[in-house]
Each structure stands twice: as structure tokens, then as C-alpha cells.
Amino acid sequence: MKNIKKLFLVTLFAFYFEATFSQTTDSLSVFPNPFSNSAMIRFDIDQSDTITLRVFNITGQTVKTFFQSAILPSGSYNVNLLGDSLVEGIYLIRLDIGTAKNITRRAIKSNLSSSIADIKTVDKVLIYPNPTNDRITIPFAGNKTIILTDLNGKTLKSFMTDKQEISLLDMAAGQYILTILTSKSEILTIQKILKSE
């Protein structure tokens, strides 16, 4: 009888573990980001629902619609965003799930490179020092948007500032992609930076 109880408890735990850790959660990601020719939009939905997936420019106009009130079963989906017809700048990718939930991600279209690994310095603005251990100087006066991503395109930090010196003390040591945009969303530079200890 004890062995049957143990077997029952082990089986029950296995079902609980599988149900708990194999569930899909609603998510949205874009890779690479920044992108040039194309970017992969990936989204996961945890249950069947009505889905709308759109891409907006910075002024709020819809530039691409992938799904419009489509009923999709739970699972993972990949959509290829072609950048050929898009101008350089910031785009918002919005996933509407049913009527109550939406997820938005920002993507940057740049004609500088087709992958993050190939990003080279743009001569418009040269940040320094690079490598750095705590601060970088951006020799550009006025408002600008600073976007720091990891080498996989995940945004780690994004903010607007009019300062020319930016602290990186809260960032771990490693390589990052720094994108600087003007107040009109024009790309000033996309550069790899190295943060040392």
C-alpha cells in the first residue's frame, strides 16, 4: 500500500511539474534589433485567443499588419518583418491579445548593417572613451535618445537626455550596442561599446 501511495505522489508531482514549467506565457520579441534587411518577430500566446499584430511608425501610423483579429491556438509564432519598404527610424510592434491585453516592443530600422555582429561605427558621432569602465561622453548637444542593447538585441536601457556624459555604473562588464537617436528619431550612431570592470 505504501508503494502505491509513493507512486501516486510521484506521478502527481510529475504532472504538476510538467504543467507548471511547460506552460507558455504571453510574450513578444524582435531579433535582431536594430535591424536592416529583416527582423524576426516572435510571439507566444498561452491560450487560444483573438490576435492582432501590427507595426507602427513613430507618428502612430500603421505600416504593417500581420494578423487582424485572427483566432490563433496557443503556441509560438514567428513572423518576418521585411525592412526594404521601411525608412530608418523607430517602429513600435504591438501584439493585441483579446480585448484586455497588449504587448509592445520597440524596433530600430537602420541601413547600417544586417546584423548586430557586423555593426560598425558611424562617423556622425564618435563616443569616448571606448572601452570604458564607468562613463561615456557623447559629443552631441541637445536632446537625444540613448538605447543600450545586448548583443542579442534585447533592450537593457532606453532613455532621453540632453546630457553629454552618460553613466554606465549600473551596467555589468561586457559588450553592448549603443544606439543614439536625435529628437527627430534620426540615427546619430550605432556603435559597439565595451564596458570593463
Foldseek 3Di string as FASTA:
>chain_A
DVVVVVVVVVVVVVVVVCVVPVFWDWDWDWPPFQAEFKIKIKTFHRAWFFKWKFKAAPVGDTPDTDHDRDTDGGDMDIDIGGCPPPDFFKMKIKMDTHPPDIDIDIGTYDNQDHALVPFDKDPLWDKDDFAEAWKIFTPDADKKWKWKAARGNHTDDIDIDRHRMDTPNVPDFDKIWIWIAHPVRHTRIIHIGTHDD
